[in-house]
Amino acid sequence: MKGIDIQTIISASVTGKTFIRLILSSPDDKKGDLNKVTVRLIELKNGPKLSFLYTYRIKTETKNHDIKKGLALAEELFGNTLTLCVIFTTEADYSFRRTKKGKILFKKSHPAHSESEFSTEHNMKKKRMISLDNNIYLEGLGITKNGMLNEGMSGKFRQINRFVETIDGIIDSSELKDKEKLTVFDMGSGKGYLTFSVYDFFVNGLKTETDMTGIEYREDLVRMCNGIASECGYTGLKFLQGSISDFDIPACDILIALHACDTATDDAIYKGISSGAEAIIVSPCCHKQIRKQFHIENGLKEITRHGILEERMAEMATDALRALMLEANGYKTKIFEYISDEHTHKNIMITAVRKKKTAEHSVYLERICCLKKFLGIKKFYLEDLFR
């Protein structure tokens, strides 16, 4: 890892104006107060600064530092307090992880954010994320009590806000930003953590009229969520009992399906495409359908000899096929980790935003066919739904 270190990458990206932000997380002391530090570049009257947002268990605070001091502080925090450091730039993302034995693991990946997200304006327009103050649904769902996070819920709260940030970015990059009313379906809404938060963000944050429906198979959760929605006065939010595969979706703007098991994710994608959704957001859970079919007769066979590696290959193959099917139907897709795997291993997200230009349908279908043949896959459930 010679020549690659945190200070060098931050300094080069700041100088080259590609720096977006830096996130330090995963503390050594899991019971300590400090959970995360987010660093961004700001422009003040006396020059550029690195602004550090410290997220503690029950509070946040901000401190601004000169570039040189900020670089040293970021490396010090990584070396002594926080074990995960991710640097986001417009050219690439860089991840550093410090193991318990002190070894530093480094990974470079494609950028998760675009150049449009780069800003040094200190007083730039701040979009409201989810607040703890007087939040009825967070208390009703057991995340907070008296405006403070309950023990063990800080990870869930970070997950909620990260998802809202993702939704916000999708709105900005699509035709949805100009709509006066949004129709949203959350398939397999569960306890409604993200359903309530997204509705709250749309209605109270973006000031956009929203008709949102959570679909959940378990009747007790449907009753509970409808009760909390009523208590909040959320007249545009309702929860209905049903399964993803059987529920008929009318025309909608956004379809969400998080942690839908195996082919239920495919059912949700199919429903979203069929309903003409402008945006489809899924976070898959387990990939049994493809894994059972692997019949590989090439060099990749060495990987599938090992169960854990075969499982991961099934995940990659399934989600790659899903992305291709979305692209075949006119969507631009991204696959990324939407939250650190320290909070949940179900952290892969596929986002799809409808493109203005029609895709070459046959080209993508041919790519699906080639991938299936290479992996010895006979049937792909999502493809069969369209047949």
Protein backbone atom coordinates (compact mmCIF):
# COMPACT_ATOMS: atom_id res chain seq x y z
CA MET A 1 0.00 0.00 0.00
CA LYS A 2 3.03 2.17 -0.55
CA GLY A 3 2.09 5.72 -1.55
CA ILE A 4 -1.57 5.16 -0.67
CA ASP A 5 -2.73 6.74 2.57
CA ILE A 6 -5.66 8.75 3.81
CA GLN A 7 -3.92 12.12 3.86
CA THR A 8 -2.54 11.71 0.33
CA ILE A 9 -5.91 10.78 -1.16
CA ILE A 10 -7.83 13.56 0.60
CA SER A 11 -5.19 16.16 -0.24
CA ALA A 12 -5.09 15.15 -3.92
CA SER A 13 -8.88 15.11 -4.25
CA VAL A 14 -9.25 18.48 -2.52
CA THR A 15 -6.60 20.01 -4.79
CA GLY A 16 -8.16 18.40 -7.85
CA LYS A 17 -11.65 19.46 -6.78
CA THR A 18 -12.97 15.89 -6.85
CA PHE A 19 -13.49 15.50 -3.08
CA ILE A 20 -17.11 14.92 -2.00
CA ARG A 21 -16.89 13.76 1.58
CA LEU A 22 -15.16 11.44 4.02
CA ILE A 23 -16.89 9.13 6.49
CA LEU A 24 -15.16 7.60 9.51
CA SER A 25 -17.18 4.95 11.37
CA SER A 26 -17.12 1.60 13.18
CA PRO A 27 -15.58 2.65 16.52
CA ASP A 28 -13.10 0.48 18.43
CA ASP A 29 -15.17 1.02 21.55
CA LYS A 30 -18.68 -0.15 20.64
CA LYS A 31 -20.02 1.24 23.93
CA GLY A 32 -18.37 4.65 23.53
CA ASP A 33 -20.12 7.91 22.72
CA LEU A 34 -18.65 8.61 19.26
CA ASN A 35 -20.26 6.65 16.43
CA LYS A 36 -19.26 8.44 13.24
CA VAL A 37 -17.45 11.47 11.83
CA THR A 38 -18.43 12.98 8.47
CA VAL A 39 -16.00 15.40 6.81
CA ARG A 40 -16.76 17.76 3.93
CA LEU A 41 -14.98 20.67 2.30
CA ILE A 42 -16.45 24.13 2.87
CA GLU A 43 -15.49 27.60 1.68
CA LEU A 44 -15.38 30.33 4.36
CA LYS A 45 -14.34 33.96 4.15
CA ASN A 46 -10.88 33.08 5.47
CA GLY A 47 -10.39 30.23 2.99
CA PRO A 48 -11.28 26.56 2.52
CA LYS A 49 -11.80 24.40 5.61
CA LEU A 50 -12.55 20.78 6.40
CA SER A 51 -15.79 20.64 8.37
CA PHE A 52 -16.03 17.70 10.82
CA LEU A 53 -19.52 16.57 11.87
CA TYR A 54 -19.20 14.38 14.98
CA THR A 55 -22.15 12.01 15.51
CA TYR A 56 -22.40 10.84 19.11
CA ARG A 57 -25.00 8.51 20.59
CA ILE A 58 -27.34 11.32 21.61
CA LYS A 59 -25.96 14.47 19.98
CA THR A 60 -23.98 15.91 17.08
CA GLU A 61 -21.43 18.72 16.90
CA THR A 62 -19.45 20.44 14.15
CA LYS A 63 -15.86 21.72 14.14
CA ASN A 64 -14.03 23.37 11.24
CA HIS A 65 -10.28 22.94 10.71
CA ASP A 66 -7.61 24.18 8.32
CA ILE A 67 -6.89 21.66 5.58
CA LYS A 68 -3.52 20.58 6.98
CA LYS A 69 -4.83 20.13 10.51
CA GLY A 70 -7.97 18.39 9.22
CA LEU A 71 -5.91 15.88 7.24
CA ALA A 72 -3.86 14.97 10.30
CA LEU A 73 -6.99 14.75 12.48
CA ALA A 74 -8.76 12.39 10.03
CA GLU A 75 -5.78 10.03 10.02
CA GLU A 76 -5.53 10.22 13.82
CA LEU A 77 -9.22 9.35 14.25
CA PHE A 78 -8.81 6.37 11.92
CA GLY A 79 -5.68 5.18 13.69
CA ASN A 80 -6.97 5.47 17.25
CA THR A 81 -10.77 5.60 17.43
CA LEU A 82 -12.66 4.60 14.28
CA THR A 83 -11.78 1.53 12.22
CA LEU A 84 -13.50 2.27 8.89
CA CYS A 85 -12.66 5.19 6.62
CA VAL A 86 -14.36 5.77 3.27
CA ILE A 87 -13.32 8.67 1.02
CA PHE A 88 -15.86 9.62 -1.66
CA THR A 89 -14.63 11.49 -4.74
CA THR A 90 -16.09 12.06 -8.20
CA GLU A 91 -13.41 9.82 -9.72
CA ALA A 92 -13.34 6.87 -7.30
CA ASP A 93 -14.19 5.78 -3.76
CA TYR A 94 -11.43 4.65 -1.38
CA SER A 95 -12.04 2.42 1.64
CA PHE A 96 -9.63 1.77 4.51
CA ARG A 97 -10.46 -0.79 7.21
CA ARG A 98 -8.30 -1.35 10.30
CA THR A 99 -8.49 -4.89 11.67
CA LYS A 100 -8.25 -5.88 15.32
CA LYS A 101 -4.65 -6.94 14.70
CA GLY A 102 -3.82 -3.51 13.29
CA LYS A 103 -3.67 -4.56 9.63
CA ILE A 104 -4.98 -1.97 7.13
CA LEU A 105 -7.20 -3.30 4.34
CA PHE A 106 -7.57 -1.02 1.30
CA LYS A 107 -10.11 -1.07 -1.54
CA LYS A 108 -10.66 1.26 -4.48
CA SER A 109 -14.03 1.19 -6.24
CA HIS A 110 -16.12 3.09 -8.77
CA PRO A 111 -17.59 6.38 -7.49
CA ALA A 112 -20.98 6.14 -5.83
CA HIS A 113 -21.66 9.86 -6.26
CA SER A 114 -21.63 12.27 -9.16
CA GLU A 115 -19.77 15.52 -9.68
CA SER A 116 -23.02 17.44 -9.12
CA GLU A 117 -22.82 16.51 -5.43
CA PHE A 118 -19.53 18.41 -4.98
CA SER A 119 -20.11 21.68 -3.17
CA THR A 120 -18.04 23.88 -0.89
CA GLU A 121 -20.79 26.33 -0.04
CA HIS A 122 -21.01 26.60 3.74
CA ASN A 123 -24.58 27.84 3.68
CA MET A 124 -25.83 25.73 0.79
CA LYS A 125 -29.49 24.72 0.78
CA LYS A 126 -29.93 22.05 3.44
CA LYS A 127 -32.61 19.48 2.78
CA ARG A 128 -34.31 18.22 5.88
CA MET A 129 -33.54 14.65 6.80
CA ILE A 130 -35.28 12.78 9.65
CA SER A 131 -35.37 14.57 12.96
CA LEU A 132 -35.59 13.01 16.42
CA ASP A 133 -37.51 15.95 17.88
CA ASN A 134 -41.21 15.32 18.52
CA ASN A 135 -41.14 12.38 16.15
CA ILE A 136 -44.28 10.34 16.85
CA TYR A 137 -43.58 7.43 14.49
CA LEU A 138 -39.99 6.89 15.65
CA GLU A 139 -41.27 6.63 19.21
CA GLY A 140 -44.16 4.41 18.17
CA LEU A 141 -41.74 2.07 16.38
CA GLY A 142 -39.44 1.87 19.40
CA ILE A 143 -36.52 3.80 17.93
CA THR A 144 -36.74 6.77 20.31
CA LYS A 145 -38.10 7.71 23.70
CA ASN A 146 -38.58 11.33 24.77
CA GLY A 147 -36.70 12.52 21.69
CA MET A 148 -33.62 10.35 22.32
CA LEU A 149 -32.47 7.18 20.61
CA ASN A 150 -33.15 3.97 22.48
CA GLU A 151 -30.16 1.76 23.20
CA GLY A 152 -29.14 -0.27 20.16
CA MET A 153 -31.12 1.88 17.72
CA SER A 154 -28.39 4.24 16.49
CA GLY A 155 -27.56 1.89 13.61
CA LYS A 156 -31.21 1.71 12.55
CA PHE A 157 -31.48 5.51 12.67
CA ARG A 158 -28.38 5.88 10.48
CA GLN A 159 -29.85 3.35 8.06
CA ILE A 160 -33.07 5.36 7.86
CA ASN A 161 -31.26 8.62 7.12
CA ARG A 162 -28.95 6.97 4.59
CA PHE A 163 -31.96 5.62 2.74
CA VAL A 164 -33.62 9.03 2.77
CA GLU A 165 -30.40 10.52 1.35
CA THR A 166 -30.52 7.91 -1.43
CA ILE A 167 -34.15 8.77 -2.20
CA ASP A 168 -33.26 12.47 -2.23
CA GLY A 169 -30.51 11.87 -4.79
CA ILE A 170 -32.86 9.86 -6.99
CA ILE A 171 -35.48 12.63 -6.92
CA ASP A 172 -32.86 15.20 -7.95
CA SER A 173 -31.60 13.08 -10.86
CA SER A 174 -34.99 12.20 -12.34
CA GLU A 175 -38.14 13.73 -13.77
CA LEU A 176 -39.72 13.37 -10.32
CA LYS A 177 -38.19 16.61 -9.03
CA ASP A 178 -40.76 18.62 -11.00
CA LYS A 179 -43.84 16.63 -9.96
CA GLU A 180 -46.38 18.24 -7.64
CA LYS A 181 -47.64 14.88 -6.34
CA LEU A 182 -45.90 11.54 -5.89
CA THR A 183 -47.42 8.06 -5.76
CA VAL A 184 -45.20 5.58 -3.90
CA PHE A 185 -45.49 1.88 -3.08
CA ASP A 186 -43.32 0.13 -0.49
CA MET A 187 -43.55 -3.62 -1.12
CA GLY A 188 -42.91 -5.72 1.99
CA SER A 189 -42.93 -2.70 4.29
CA GLY A 190 -42.49 -4.70 7.52
CA LYS A 191 -42.58 -2.48 10.62
CA GLY A 192 -42.55 0.59 8.36
CA TYR A 193 -39.30 2.21 9.55
CA LEU A 194 -38.40 3.38 6.05
CA THR A 195 -41.98 3.82 4.85
CA PHE A 196 -42.74 6.41 7.53
CA SER A 197 -39.39 8.14 7.05
CA VAL A 198 -39.75 8.46 3.27
CA TYR A 199 -43.30 9.81 3.61
CA ASP A 200 -42.12 12.26 6.28
CA PHE A 201 -39.27 13.43 4.04
CA PHE A 202 -41.48 13.91 0.97
CA VAL A 203 -44.31 15.70 2.76
CA ASN A 204 -42.49 17.69 5.43
CA GLY A 205 -39.01 17.94 3.92
CA LEU A 206 -39.66 18.43 0.20
CA LYS A 207 -43.18 19.83 0.71
CA THR A 208 -44.54 17.47 -1.95
CA GLU A 209 -48.03 16.00 -1.80
CA THR A 210 -47.59 12.24 -1.49
CA ASP A 211 -49.86 9.21 -1.72
CA MET A 212 -47.87 6.32 -0.21
CA THR A 213 -48.90 2.72 0.38
CA GLY A 214 -47.05 0.06 2.34
CA ILE A 215 -47.82 -3.53 1.38
CA GLU A 216 -47.18 -6.08 4.12
CA TYR A 217 -48.28 -9.73 4.48
CA ARG A 218 -48.44 -9.76 8.30
CA GLU A 219 -51.78 -8.34 9.46
CA ASP A 220 -50.54 -7.38 12.93
CA LEU A 221 -47.87 -5.09 11.42
CA VAL A 222 -50.43 -3.57 9.04
CA ARG A 223 -52.72 -2.71 11.95
CA MET A 224 -49.85 -1.30 14.01
CA CYS A 225 -48.54 0.89 11.17
CA ASN A 226 -51.99 2.21 10.27
CA GLY A 227 -52.50 3.15 13.92
CA ILE A 228 -49.22 5.07 14.04
CA ALA A 229 -49.97 6.78 10.71
CA SER A 230 -53.33 7.90 12.10
CA GLU A 231 -51.66 9.18 15.28
CA CYS A 232 -49.19 11.17 13.16
CA GLY A 233 -51.97 12.66 11.05
CA TYR A 234 -50.41 11.20 7.89
CA THR A 235 -53.53 11.20 5.72
CA GLY A 236 -51.62 10.25 2.57
CA LEU A 237 -50.00 7.15 4.09
CA LYS A 238 -51.74 3.80 4.42
CA PHE A 239 -50.77 0.15 4.88
CA LEU A 240 -52.54 -2.76 3.20
CA GLN A 241 -52.32 -6.49 3.78
CA GLY A 242 -51.04 -8.57 0.87
CA SER A 243 -48.09 -10.29 -0.77
CA ILE A 244 -45.77 -8.75 -3.34
CA SER A 245 -46.56 -11.30 -6.04
CA ASP A 246 -50.36 -11.08 -5.68
CA PHE A 247 -50.83 -7.36 -5.14
CA ASP A 248 -51.82 -5.38 -8.26
CA ILE A 249 -49.96 -2.09 -8.49
CA PRO A 250 -51.62 0.80 -10.34
CA ALA A 251 -49.52 3.46 -12.06
CA CYS A 252 -46.91 4.79 -9.62
CA ASP A 253 -43.88 7.07 -9.50
CA ILE A 254 -41.63 5.16 -7.09
CA LEU A 255 -41.58 1.50 -6.11
CA ILE A 256 -39.53 0.34 -3.12
CA ALA A 257 -38.83 -3.23 -1.98
CA LEU A 258 -36.23 -3.72 0.73
CA HIS A 259 -35.10 -7.16 1.89
CA ALA A 260 -37.75 -9.04 -0.10
CA CYS A 261 -36.64 -12.67 -0.02
CA ASP A 262 -35.35 -14.45 -3.13
CA THR A 263 -37.75 -14.09 -6.11
CA ALA A 264 -40.01 -11.64 -4.21
CA THR A 265 -37.47 -8.99 -5.26
CA ASP A 266 -38.02 -10.02 -8.89
CA ASP A 267 -41.79 -9.77 -8.38
CA ALA A 268 -41.34 -6.24 -7.07
CA ILE A 269 -39.11 -5.21 -9.99
CA TYR A 270 -41.66 -6.64 -12.43
CA LYS A 271 -44.49 -4.75 -10.71
CA GLY A 272 -42.46 -1.53 -10.81
CA ILE A 273 -41.64 -1.81 -14.51
CA SER A 274 -45.21 -2.82 -15.38
CA SER A 275 -46.64 0.15 -13.45
CA GLY A 276 -44.37 2.58 -15.31
CA ALA A 277 -42.50 3.64 -12.17
CA GLU A 278 -40.05 6.47 -12.72
CA ALA A 279 -37.77 5.01 -10.03
CA ILE A 280 -37.38 1.48 -8.62
CA ILE A 281 -35.35 0.85 -5.46
CA VAL A 282 -34.68 -2.65 -4.15
CA SER A 283 -32.34 -4.18 -1.59
CA PRO A 284 -32.35 -7.94 -2.29
CA CYS A 285 -32.32 -10.64 0.37
CA CYS A 286 -31.03 -14.16 -0.41
CA HIS A 287 -30.60 -15.44 -3.96
CA LYS A 288 -31.73 -19.06 -3.92
CA GLN A 289 -33.31 -19.29 -7.37
CA ILE A 290 -30.10 -18.70 -9.32
CA ARG A 291 -27.80 -20.53 -6.90
CA LYS A 292 -29.74 -23.78 -7.24
CA GLN A 293 -29.21 -23.72 -11.00
CA PHE A 294 -25.48 -23.15 -11.24
CA HIS A 295 -23.99 -25.65 -13.68
CA ILE A 296 -20.63 -24.15 -14.48
CA GLU A 297 -18.27 -25.97 -16.83
CA ASN A 298 -15.47 -23.40 -17.05
CA GLY A 299 -12.76 -21.89 -14.83
CA LEU A 300 -15.33 -20.40 -12.46
CA LYS A 301 -16.13 -23.93 -11.29
CA GLU A 302 -13.22 -23.59 -8.86
CA ILE A 303 -15.15 -20.84 -7.04
CA THR A 304 -18.39 -22.77 -6.69
CA ARG A 305 -16.57 -25.63 -4.93
CA HIS A 306 -16.75 -23.48 -1.79
CA GLY A 307 -20.21 -22.84 -0.33
CA ILE A 308 -19.62 -19.30 0.89
CA LEU A 309 -18.09 -18.27 -2.45
CA GLU A 310 -20.88 -19.93 -4.39
CA GLU A 311 -23.38 -17.96 -2.30
CA ARG A 312 -21.63 -14.69 -3.08
CA MET A 313 -21.39 -15.52 -6.76
CA ALA A 314 -25.12 -16.26 -6.78
CA GLU A 315 -25.75 -12.83 -5.27
CA MET A 316 -23.58 -11.09 -7.86
CA ALA A 317 -25.02 -13.05 -10.77
CA THR A 318 -28.64 -12.54 -9.73
CA ASP A 319 -28.29 -8.81 -9.15
CA ALA A 320 -26.32 -8.35 -12.39
CA LEU A 321 -29.14 -10.08 -14.29
CA ARG A 322 -31.71 -7.89 -12.53
CA ALA A 323 -29.81 -4.75 -13.50
CA LEU A 324 -29.65 -5.92 -17.13
CA MET A 325 -33.39 -6.58 -17.18
CA LEU A 326 -34.07 -3.11 -15.79
CA GLU A 327 -31.77 -1.60 -18.41
CA ALA A 328 -33.55 -3.60 -21.13
CA ASN A 329 -36.74 -1.87 -20.04
CA GLY A 330 -35.35 1.66 -20.22
CA TYR A 331 -33.78 2.28 -16.80
CA LYS A 332 -30.37 3.53 -15.76
CA THR A 333 -29.17 1.36 -12.88
CA LYS A 334 -26.70 1.50 -10.01
CA ILE A 335 -25.69 -1.26 -7.60
CA PHE A 336 -23.91 -0.21 -4.41
CA GLU A 337 -23.58 -0.69 -0.66
CA TYR A 338 -26.02 1.80 0.77
CA ILE A 339 -24.87 1.40 4.36
CA SER A 340 -21.81 -0.09 6.03
CA ASP A 341 -22.03 -3.85 6.56
CA GLU A 342 -21.40 -3.30 10.26
CA HIS A 343 -25.14 -2.49 10.58
CA THR A 344 -26.60 -5.12 8.26
CA HIS A 345 -25.25 -7.65 5.75
CA LYS A 346 -28.33 -6.98 3.60
CA ASN A 347 -26.72 -3.79 2.38
CA ILE A 348 -26.63 -4.11 -1.41
CA MET A 349 -29.02 -1.75 -3.15
CA ILE A 350 -30.16 -1.59 -6.77
CA THR A 351 -31.58 1.73 -7.93
CA ALA A 352 -33.15 2.25 -11.32
CA VAL A 353 -34.24 5.58 -12.82
CA ARG A 354 -36.13 5.71 -16.10
CA LYS A 355 -34.09 7.17 -18.96
CA LYS A 356 -35.44 9.65 -21.52
CA LYS A 357 -33.91 7.69 -24.39
CA THR A 358 -35.37 4.26 -25.10
CA ALA A 359 -32.94 1.40 -24.51
CA GLU A 360 -31.94 -1.13 -27.14
CA HIS A 361 -34.06 -3.91 -25.69
CA SER A 362 -32.58 -6.75 -27.75
CA VAL A 363 -28.98 -5.83 -26.88
CA TYR A 364 -29.60 -6.25 -23.16
CA LEU A 365 -31.56 -9.47 -23.65
CA GLU A 366 -28.60 -10.89 -25.56
CA ARG A 367 -26.28 -9.94 -22.69
CA ILE A 368 -28.64 -11.72 -20.28
CA CYS A 369 -28.56 -14.79 -22.49
CA CYS A 370 -24.75 -14.81 -22.63
CA LEU A 371 -24.39 -14.50 -18.84
CA LYS A 372 -26.89 -17.29 -18.25
CA LYS A 373 -25.07 -19.56 -20.69
CA PHE A 374 -21.69 -18.82 -19.08
CA LEU A 375 -23.03 -19.76 -15.64
CA GLY A 376 -25.11 -22.70 -16.80
CA ILE A 377 -28.38 -21.05 -15.79
CA LYS A 378 -31.51 -22.31 -17.57
CA LYS A 379 -34.19 -20.13 -16.00
CA PHE A 380 -34.13 -16.55 -14.70
CA TYR A 381 -37.34 -15.87 -12.78
CA LEU A 382 -37.62 -12.14 -13.60
CA GLU A 383 -37.11 -12.83 -17.31
CA ASP A 384 -39.83 -15.48 -17.22
CA LEU A 385 -42.29 -13.00 -15.65
CA PHE A 386 -42.13 -10.89 -18.81
CA ARG A 387 -42.80 -13.91 -20.97
